[in-house]
């Protein structure tokens, strides 16, 4: 049973998550030869204040 954790910035719509979950489930079934009901996907929203890239929080203004 694949369990897939998806960490992403807050702000995605329910429809975007539905479409992503559908696509990932279909591909998991195709590649892993499992049943769709066995695929679990957990969306973990993260605020920009809690995500850093290159030592800079995404909530901080872009450097000039």
N, C-alpha and C. Protein backbone atom coordinates (compact mmCIF):
# COMPACT_ATOMS: atom_id res chain seq x y z
N UNK A 1 0.85 -1.17 0.00
CA UNK A 1 0.00 0.00 0.00
C UNK A 1 0.90 1.24 0.00
N UNK A 2 0.96 1.96 -1.10
CA UNK A 2 1.77 3.18 -1.10
C UNK A 2 1.09 4.30 -0.33
N UNK A 3 1.87 4.98 0.50
CA UNK A 3 1.41 6.17 1.20
C UNK A 3 2.32 7.30 0.76
N UNK A 4 1.75 8.30 0.11
CA UNK A 4 2.51 9.38 -0.50
C UNK A 4 2.24 10.67 0.25
N UNK A 5 3.30 11.29 0.75
CA UNK A 5 3.20 12.58 1.46
C UNK A 5 3.59 13.67 0.48
N UNK A 6 2.74 14.67 0.36
CA UNK A 6 3.00 15.79 -0.55
C UNK A 6 3.04 17.07 0.28
N UNK A 7 4.23 17.63 0.40
CA UNK A 7 4.38 18.90 1.13
C UNK A 7 4.40 20.01 0.10
N UNK A 8 3.54 21.00 0.30
CA UNK A 8 3.46 22.11 -0.64
C UNK A 8 3.06 23.38 0.07
N UNK A 9 3.33 24.49 -0.58
CA UNK A 9 2.95 25.77 0.03
C UNK A 9 1.44 25.88 0.10
N UNK A 10 0.97 26.55 1.14
CA UNK A 10 -0.46 26.79 1.29
C UNK A 10 -1.00 27.54 0.08
N UNK A 11 -2.29 27.38 -0.17
CA UNK A 11 -2.92 28.17 -1.21
C UNK A 11 -3.45 27.36 -2.38
N UNK A 12 -3.16 26.06 -2.43
CA UNK A 12 -3.70 25.26 -3.52
C UNK A 12 -5.19 25.06 -3.29
N UNK A 13 -5.96 25.03 -4.35
CA UNK A 13 -7.40 24.85 -4.23
C UNK A 13 -7.74 23.37 -4.04
N UNK A 14 -8.95 23.11 -3.58
CA UNK A 14 -9.40 21.73 -3.47
C UNK A 14 -9.39 21.05 -4.83
N UNK A 15 -9.76 21.77 -5.88
CA UNK A 15 -9.78 21.18 -7.21
C UNK A 15 -8.36 20.80 -7.66
N UNK A 16 -7.38 21.63 -7.37
CA UNK A 16 -6.00 21.29 -7.71
C UNK A 16 -5.56 20.03 -6.97
N UNK A 17 -5.91 19.93 -5.70
CA UNK A 17 -5.54 18.74 -4.93
C UNK A 17 -6.27 17.50 -5.46
N UNK A 18 -7.53 17.65 -5.82
CA UNK A 18 -8.29 16.53 -6.40
C UNK A 18 -7.62 16.02 -7.68
N UNK A 19 -7.28 16.95 -8.56
CA UNK A 19 -6.65 16.57 -9.82
C UNK A 19 -5.30 15.92 -9.60
N UNK A 20 -4.51 16.47 -8.68
CA UNK A 20 -3.20 15.90 -8.37
C UNK A 20 -3.36 14.50 -7.79
N UNK A 21 -4.28 14.34 -6.84
CA UNK A 21 -4.51 13.04 -6.22
C UNK A 21 -4.95 12.01 -7.26
N UNK A 22 -5.81 12.41 -8.18
CA UNK A 22 -6.27 11.51 -9.23
C UNK A 22 -5.11 11.08 -10.12
N UNK A 23 -4.29 12.04 -10.54
CA UNK A 23 -3.17 11.72 -11.43
C UNK A 23 -2.14 10.83 -10.74
N UNK A 24 -1.81 11.15 -9.50
CA UNK A 24 -0.82 10.35 -8.76
C UNK A 24 -1.36 8.94 -8.49
N UNK A 25 -2.64 8.85 -8.17
CA UNK A 25 -3.23 7.53 -7.94
C UNK A 25 -3.19 6.69 -9.21
N UNK A 26 -3.59 7.27 -10.34
CA UNK A 26 -3.58 6.52 -11.61
C UNK A 26 -2.18 6.03 -11.95
N UNK A 27 -1.19 6.89 -11.80
CA UNK A 27 0.18 6.50 -12.12
C UNK A 27 0.73 5.48 -11.13
N UNK A 28 0.35 5.59 -9.86
CA UNK A 28 0.78 4.60 -8.87
C UNK A 28 0.21 3.23 -9.21
N UNK A 29 -1.06 3.20 -9.58
CA UNK A 29 -1.71 1.94 -9.96
C UNK A 29 -1.01 1.34 -11.18
N UNK A 30 -0.72 2.18 -12.16
CA UNK A 30 -0.08 1.71 -13.40
C UNK A 30 1.33 1.17 -13.13
N UNK A 31 2.11 1.90 -12.39
CA UNK A 31 3.51 1.54 -12.19
C UNK A 31 3.69 0.47 -11.11
N UNK A 32 2.94 0.57 -10.02
CA UNK A 32 3.13 -0.34 -8.89
C UNK A 32 2.20 -1.55 -8.91
N UNK A 33 1.28 -1.58 -9.88
CA UNK A 33 0.34 -2.70 -10.01
C UNK A 33 -0.43 -2.94 -8.72
N UNK A 34 -0.99 -1.88 -8.19
CA UNK A 34 -1.79 -1.98 -6.97
C UNK A 34 -3.21 -1.49 -7.27
N UNK A 35 -4.10 -1.66 -6.33
CA UNK A 35 -5.46 -1.18 -6.48
C UNK A 35 -5.54 0.29 -6.10
N UNK A 36 -6.43 1.05 -6.75
CA UNK A 36 -6.57 2.47 -6.41
C UNK A 36 -6.87 2.69 -4.93
N UNK A 37 -7.65 1.81 -4.34
CA UNK A 37 -7.99 1.94 -2.92
C UNK A 37 -6.81 1.75 -1.98
N UNK A 38 -5.70 1.24 -2.52
CA UNK A 38 -4.50 1.04 -1.71
C UNK A 38 -3.60 2.27 -1.68
N UNK A 39 -3.87 3.24 -2.54
CA UNK A 39 -3.01 4.43 -2.64
C UNK A 39 -3.52 5.50 -1.68
N UNK A 40 -2.68 5.88 -0.75
CA UNK A 40 -3.02 6.94 0.20
C UNK A 40 -2.15 8.15 -0.09
N UNK A 41 -2.76 9.33 -0.13
CA UNK A 41 -2.03 10.57 -0.38
C UNK A 41 -2.38 11.55 0.73
N UNK A 42 -1.35 12.10 1.35
CA UNK A 42 -1.54 13.07 2.41
C UNK A 42 -0.95 14.40 1.95
N UNK A 43 -1.78 15.43 1.93
CA UNK A 43 -1.31 16.77 1.59
C UNK A 43 -0.94 17.49 2.88
N UNK A 44 0.27 18.03 2.91
CA UNK A 44 0.75 18.75 4.08
C UNK A 44 1.04 20.18 3.65
N UNK A 45 0.12 21.10 3.96
CA UNK A 45 0.37 22.50 3.57
C UNK A 45 1.39 23.14 4.52
N UNK A 46 2.27 23.93 3.94
CA UNK A 46 3.31 24.61 4.71
C UNK A 46 3.24 26.10 4.39
N UNK A 47 3.30 26.92 5.41
CA UNK A 47 3.26 28.37 5.20
C UNK A 47 4.61 28.84 4.67
N UNK A 48 4.62 29.98 4.01
CA UNK A 48 5.86 30.56 3.51
C UNK A 48 6.81 30.91 4.64
N UNK A 49 6.26 31.17 5.84
CA UNK A 49 7.08 31.48 6.99
C UNK A 49 7.81 30.25 7.51
N UNK A 50 7.38 29.06 7.09
CA UNK A 50 7.96 27.81 7.57
C UNK A 50 8.76 27.07 6.50
N UNK A 51 9.07 27.75 5.39
CA UNK A 51 9.78 27.11 4.28
C UNK A 51 10.91 28.04 3.86
N UNK A 52 12.11 27.50 3.81
CA UNK A 52 13.27 28.29 3.40
C UNK A 52 13.96 27.63 2.21
N UNK A 53 14.47 28.44 1.32
CA UNK A 53 15.25 27.97 0.18
C UNK A 53 16.51 28.83 0.11
N UNK A 54 17.64 28.18 0.04
CA UNK A 54 18.89 28.92 -0.03
C UNK A 54 19.16 29.80 1.18
N UNK A 55 18.66 29.39 2.34
CA UNK A 55 18.89 30.14 3.57
C UNK A 55 17.96 31.31 3.76
N UNK A 56 16.94 31.46 2.89
CA UNK A 56 16.02 32.59 2.98
C UNK A 56 14.59 32.07 3.08
N UNK A 57 13.85 32.57 4.06
CA UNK A 57 12.44 32.20 4.18
C UNK A 57 11.69 32.70 2.96
N UNK A 58 10.75 31.89 2.48
CA UNK A 58 9.97 32.30 1.32
C UNK A 58 9.08 33.50 1.62
N UNK A 59 8.83 33.75 2.89
CA UNK A 59 8.02 34.91 3.28
C UNK A 59 8.83 36.21 3.23
N UNK A 60 10.15 36.10 3.20
CA UNK A 60 11.00 37.30 3.15
C UNK A 60 11.00 37.89 1.74
N UNK A 61 11.15 39.20 1.64
CA UNK A 61 11.23 39.81 0.31
C UNK A 61 12.42 39.26 -0.47
N UNK A 62 12.26 39.17 -1.77
CA UNK A 62 13.35 38.69 -2.63
C UNK A 62 14.52 39.67 -2.56
N UNK A 63 15.74 39.16 -2.54
CA UNK A 63 16.90 40.05 -2.50
C UNK A 63 17.00 40.85 -3.80
N UNK A 64 17.54 42.05 -3.65
CA UNK A 64 17.67 42.91 -4.83
C UNK A 64 19.00 42.73 -5.51
